[in-house]
N, C-alpha and C. Protein backbone atom coordinates (compact mmCIF):
# COMPACT_ATOMS: atom_id res chain seq x y z
N MET A 1 -5.19 16.99 5.01
CA MET A 1 -6.09 15.91 5.43
C MET A 1 -5.67 15.43 6.82
N ASP A 2 -6.58 14.83 7.48
CA ASP A 2 -6.27 14.42 8.84
C ASP A 2 -5.73 12.99 8.90
N GLU A 3 -5.29 12.63 10.08
CA GLU A 3 -4.67 11.32 10.34
C GLU A 3 -5.62 10.17 10.01
N LYS A 4 -6.90 10.36 10.27
CA LYS A 4 -7.90 9.31 10.04
C LYS A 4 -7.97 8.92 8.55
N ILE A 5 -7.96 9.92 7.67
CA ILE A 5 -8.03 9.65 6.24
C ILE A 5 -6.77 8.92 5.77
N GLU A 6 -5.61 9.33 6.28
CA GLU A 6 -4.37 8.65 5.91
C GLU A 6 -4.38 7.19 6.38
N GLU A 7 -4.90 6.95 7.57
CA GLU A 7 -5.01 5.56 8.05
C GLU A 7 -5.97 4.76 7.20
N ASP A 8 -7.07 5.37 6.78
CA ASP A 8 -8.03 4.68 5.91
C ASP A 8 -7.40 4.33 4.57
N ILE A 9 -6.61 5.24 4.00
CA ILE A 9 -5.93 4.99 2.74
C ILE A 9 -4.94 3.83 2.92
N LYS A 10 -4.18 3.88 4.00
CA LYS A 10 -3.20 2.83 4.28
C LYS A 10 -3.88 1.47 4.43
N ARG A 11 -4.98 1.45 5.18
CA ARG A 11 -5.73 0.21 5.39
C ARG A 11 -6.29 -0.32 4.05
N PHE A 12 -6.81 0.59 3.20
CA PHE A 12 -7.34 0.20 1.90
C PHE A 12 -6.26 -0.46 1.04
N ILE A 13 -5.09 0.17 0.98
CA ILE A 13 -3.99 -0.35 0.15
C ILE A 13 -3.53 -1.71 0.67
N LEU A 14 -3.35 -1.83 1.98
CA LEU A 14 -2.88 -3.10 2.54
C LEU A 14 -3.91 -4.20 2.35
N ARG A 15 -5.20 -3.90 2.57
CA ARG A 15 -6.25 -4.91 2.36
C ARG A 15 -6.25 -5.40 0.92
N LYS A 16 -6.12 -4.47 0.00
CA LYS A 16 -6.13 -4.80 -1.42
C LYS A 16 -4.98 -5.74 -1.76
N LEU A 17 -3.78 -5.43 -1.28
CA LEU A 17 -2.62 -6.25 -1.58
C LEU A 17 -2.71 -7.62 -0.90
N VAL A 18 -3.24 -7.68 0.32
CA VAL A 18 -3.41 -8.97 1.01
C VAL A 18 -4.44 -9.81 0.26
N ARG A 19 -5.54 -9.19 -0.16
CA ARG A 19 -6.61 -9.90 -0.88
C ARG A 19 -6.08 -10.52 -2.18
N HIS A 20 -5.18 -9.80 -2.84
CA HIS A 20 -4.60 -10.30 -4.09
C HIS A 20 -3.31 -11.11 -3.88
N ARG A 21 -2.99 -11.36 -2.62
CA ARG A 21 -1.81 -12.16 -2.24
C ARG A 21 -0.51 -11.64 -2.86
N MET A 22 -0.28 -10.36 -2.70
CA MET A 22 0.92 -9.73 -3.25
C MET A 22 2.07 -9.77 -2.23
N TRP A 23 2.50 -10.96 -1.86
CA TRP A 23 3.58 -11.13 -0.89
C TRP A 23 4.89 -11.40 -1.63
N MET A 24 5.94 -10.75 -1.20
CA MET A 24 7.32 -10.94 -1.65
C MET A 24 7.49 -10.92 -3.17
N HIS A 25 7.46 -12.08 -3.83
CA HIS A 25 7.86 -12.16 -5.24
C HIS A 25 6.71 -11.95 -6.21
N LYS A 26 5.52 -11.66 -5.73
CA LYS A 26 4.41 -11.31 -6.60
C LYS A 26 4.22 -9.81 -6.49
N HIS A 27 4.39 -9.10 -7.59
CA HIS A 27 4.40 -7.64 -7.58
C HIS A 27 3.23 -7.07 -8.37
N THR A 28 2.95 -5.81 -8.09
CA THR A 28 2.02 -5.02 -8.89
C THR A 28 2.60 -3.62 -9.04
N SER A 29 2.17 -2.93 -10.07
CA SER A 29 2.66 -1.57 -10.31
C SER A 29 2.19 -0.65 -9.19
N ILE A 30 3.04 0.28 -8.84
CA ILE A 30 2.70 1.26 -7.81
C ILE A 30 1.49 2.10 -8.24
N HIS A 31 1.26 2.20 -9.55
CA HIS A 31 0.13 2.98 -10.07
C HIS A 31 -1.21 2.28 -9.85
N ASN A 32 -1.18 0.98 -9.53
CA ASN A 32 -2.42 0.25 -9.28
C ASN A 32 -2.93 0.42 -7.85
N LEU A 33 -2.10 0.89 -6.95
CA LEU A 33 -2.48 0.96 -5.54
C LEU A 33 -3.69 1.86 -5.27
N PRO A 34 -3.77 3.07 -5.86
CA PRO A 34 -4.92 3.92 -5.55
C PRO A 34 -6.21 3.52 -6.27
N LYS A 35 -6.14 2.61 -7.23
CA LYS A 35 -7.35 2.22 -7.96
C LYS A 35 -8.35 1.61 -6.99
N GLY A 36 -9.58 2.09 -7.05
CA GLY A 36 -10.61 1.62 -6.15
C GLY A 36 -10.93 2.63 -5.05
N LEU A 37 -10.03 3.59 -4.85
CA LEU A 37 -10.32 4.67 -3.90
C LEU A 37 -11.32 5.64 -4.53
N PRO A 38 -12.07 6.37 -3.72
CA PRO A 38 -12.98 7.38 -4.28
C PRO A 38 -12.20 8.41 -5.11
N ASP A 39 -12.85 8.98 -6.11
CA ASP A 39 -12.19 9.92 -7.03
C ASP A 39 -11.53 11.09 -6.32
N TYR A 40 -12.16 11.59 -5.26
CA TYR A 40 -11.59 12.77 -4.59
C TYR A 40 -10.30 12.44 -3.83
N LEU A 41 -9.99 11.17 -3.63
CA LEU A 41 -8.76 10.77 -2.94
C LEU A 41 -7.70 10.22 -3.88
N ARG A 42 -8.12 9.68 -5.00
CA ARG A 42 -7.25 8.84 -5.83
C ARG A 42 -5.93 9.50 -6.21
N ASN A 43 -5.94 10.72 -6.68
CA ASN A 43 -4.70 11.35 -7.16
C ASN A 43 -4.26 12.49 -6.25
N THR A 44 -4.20 12.21 -4.97
CA THR A 44 -3.84 13.27 -4.02
C THR A 44 -2.44 13.04 -3.45
N LYS A 45 -1.91 14.10 -2.83
CA LYS A 45 -0.60 14.00 -2.17
C LYS A 45 -0.65 13.00 -1.03
N GLU A 46 -1.82 12.90 -0.39
CA GLU A 46 -1.93 12.00 0.76
C GLU A 46 -1.69 10.54 0.36
N VAL A 47 -2.22 10.15 -0.80
CA VAL A 47 -2.02 8.77 -1.27
C VAL A 47 -0.53 8.52 -1.49
N ARG A 48 0.13 9.45 -2.14
CA ARG A 48 1.57 9.30 -2.40
C ARG A 48 2.35 9.29 -1.08
N LYS A 49 1.92 10.13 -0.14
CA LYS A 49 2.59 10.19 1.18
C LYS A 49 2.46 8.84 1.90
N VAL A 50 1.26 8.25 1.87
CA VAL A 50 1.03 6.95 2.52
C VAL A 50 1.88 5.87 1.86
N ILE A 51 1.93 5.85 0.53
CA ILE A 51 2.73 4.84 -0.18
C ILE A 51 4.21 5.00 0.17
N ASP A 52 4.69 6.24 0.17
CA ASP A 52 6.10 6.49 0.53
C ASP A 52 6.40 6.04 1.95
N GLU A 53 5.45 6.29 2.87
CA GLU A 53 5.63 5.87 4.26
C GLU A 53 5.68 4.33 4.37
N LEU A 54 4.82 3.65 3.63
CA LEU A 54 4.82 2.17 3.65
C LEU A 54 6.13 1.62 3.09
N LEU A 55 6.66 2.25 2.06
CA LEU A 55 7.95 1.83 1.50
C LEU A 55 9.08 2.10 2.49
N LYS A 56 9.06 3.28 3.13
CA LYS A 56 10.11 3.65 4.09
C LYS A 56 10.14 2.70 5.29
N ASN A 57 8.95 2.25 5.72
CA ASN A 57 8.85 1.35 6.88
C ASN A 57 9.00 -0.12 6.51
N ASN A 58 9.36 -0.38 5.26
CA ASN A 58 9.56 -1.75 4.75
C ASN A 58 8.32 -2.63 4.86
N ILE A 59 7.14 -2.02 4.92
CA ILE A 59 5.91 -2.80 4.86
C ILE A 59 5.67 -3.17 3.40
N LEU A 60 5.94 -2.23 2.50
CA LEU A 60 5.94 -2.51 1.07
C LEU A 60 7.39 -2.61 0.61
N LEU A 61 7.64 -3.58 -0.24
CA LEU A 61 8.96 -3.72 -0.85
C LEU A 61 8.88 -3.23 -2.29
N GLY A 62 9.84 -2.41 -2.68
CA GLY A 62 9.87 -1.89 -4.04
C GLY A 62 10.82 -2.67 -4.91
N LYS A 63 10.44 -2.83 -6.18
CA LYS A 63 11.29 -3.50 -7.16
C LYS A 63 11.31 -2.61 -8.40
N PRO A 64 12.43 -1.93 -8.66
CA PRO A 64 12.49 -1.07 -9.84
C PRO A 64 12.50 -1.91 -11.12
N THR A 65 11.74 -1.49 -12.10
CA THR A 65 11.71 -2.16 -13.40
C THR A 65 11.87 -1.08 -14.47
N PRO A 66 12.16 -1.47 -15.71
CA PRO A 66 12.29 -0.46 -16.77
C PRO A 66 11.02 0.35 -17.01
N TYR A 67 9.87 -0.18 -16.63
CA TYR A 67 8.60 0.51 -16.89
C TYR A 67 7.99 1.10 -15.63
N GLY A 68 8.73 1.14 -14.51
CA GLY A 68 8.23 1.76 -13.30
C GLY A 68 8.44 0.90 -12.07
N LEU A 69 8.07 1.42 -10.93
CA LEU A 69 8.27 0.72 -9.67
C LEU A 69 7.16 -0.30 -9.43
N GLU A 70 7.54 -1.50 -9.09
CA GLU A 70 6.60 -2.55 -8.71
C GLU A 70 6.71 -2.72 -7.19
N VAL A 71 5.61 -3.07 -6.54
CA VAL A 71 5.62 -3.22 -5.09
C VAL A 71 4.96 -4.54 -4.68
N SER A 72 5.36 -5.01 -3.51
CA SER A 72 4.76 -6.20 -2.91
C SER A 72 4.82 -6.04 -1.39
N LEU A 73 4.07 -6.88 -0.69
CA LEU A 73 4.07 -6.84 0.77
C LEU A 73 5.28 -7.60 1.31
N ASN A 74 5.82 -7.12 2.41
CA ASN A 74 6.95 -7.76 3.07
C ASN A 74 6.44 -8.87 3.98
N ILE A 75 6.78 -10.11 3.67
CA ILE A 75 6.30 -11.27 4.44
C ILE A 75 6.79 -11.20 5.89
N LYS A 76 7.93 -10.55 6.12
CA LYS A 76 8.45 -10.43 7.48
C LYS A 76 7.60 -9.52 8.35
N LYS A 77 6.74 -8.71 7.74
CA LYS A 77 5.86 -7.80 8.47
C LYS A 77 4.41 -8.29 8.44
N LYS A 78 4.20 -9.57 8.13
CA LYS A 78 2.85 -10.10 7.95
C LYS A 78 1.98 -9.89 9.19
N LYS A 79 2.48 -10.19 10.36
CA LYS A 79 1.71 -10.04 11.60
C LYS A 79 1.31 -8.58 11.81
N GLU A 80 2.26 -7.68 11.61
CA GLU A 80 2.01 -6.25 11.77
C GLU A 80 0.94 -5.76 10.78
N ILE A 81 1.02 -6.22 9.55
CA ILE A 81 0.05 -5.84 8.50
C ILE A 81 -1.34 -6.35 8.87
N GLU A 82 -1.43 -7.63 9.23
CA GLU A 82 -2.73 -8.21 9.57
C GLU A 82 -3.35 -7.56 10.80
N ASP A 83 -2.53 -7.23 11.80
CA ASP A 83 -3.02 -6.55 12.99
C ASP A 83 -3.57 -5.18 12.65
N PHE A 84 -2.87 -4.44 11.79
CA PHE A 84 -3.31 -3.10 11.40
C PHE A 84 -4.64 -3.17 10.65
N ILE A 85 -4.78 -4.13 9.75
CA ILE A 85 -6.01 -4.27 8.98
C ILE A 85 -7.18 -4.62 9.90
N GLU A 86 -6.96 -5.53 10.85
CA GLU A 86 -8.03 -5.97 11.75
C GLU A 86 -8.45 -4.88 12.72
N ASP A 87 -7.55 -3.97 13.07
CA ASP A 87 -7.88 -2.89 14.00
C ASP A 87 -8.88 -1.91 13.42
N GLY A 88 -9.02 -1.90 12.09
CA GLY A 88 -9.90 -0.93 11.44
C GLY A 88 -11.27 -1.29 11.46
């Protein structure tokens, strides 16, 4: 897939988490992130690649739990996240 699709996936995930106010101590399961994407994108390597990249860049914070990884947005990157969403 091309860079444009990966950026669209990233923007979709970040918008969704901002809309639900998932900052710092409010978490959601990592499995909820692709929900709402079109079926042809939902379970692809690209989605996992984008999520891994967001975690690596500390835009998403991970919290391991006994039932799986929970994620939230990093409040310290709020300006960067909002700028990225608005650029789309």
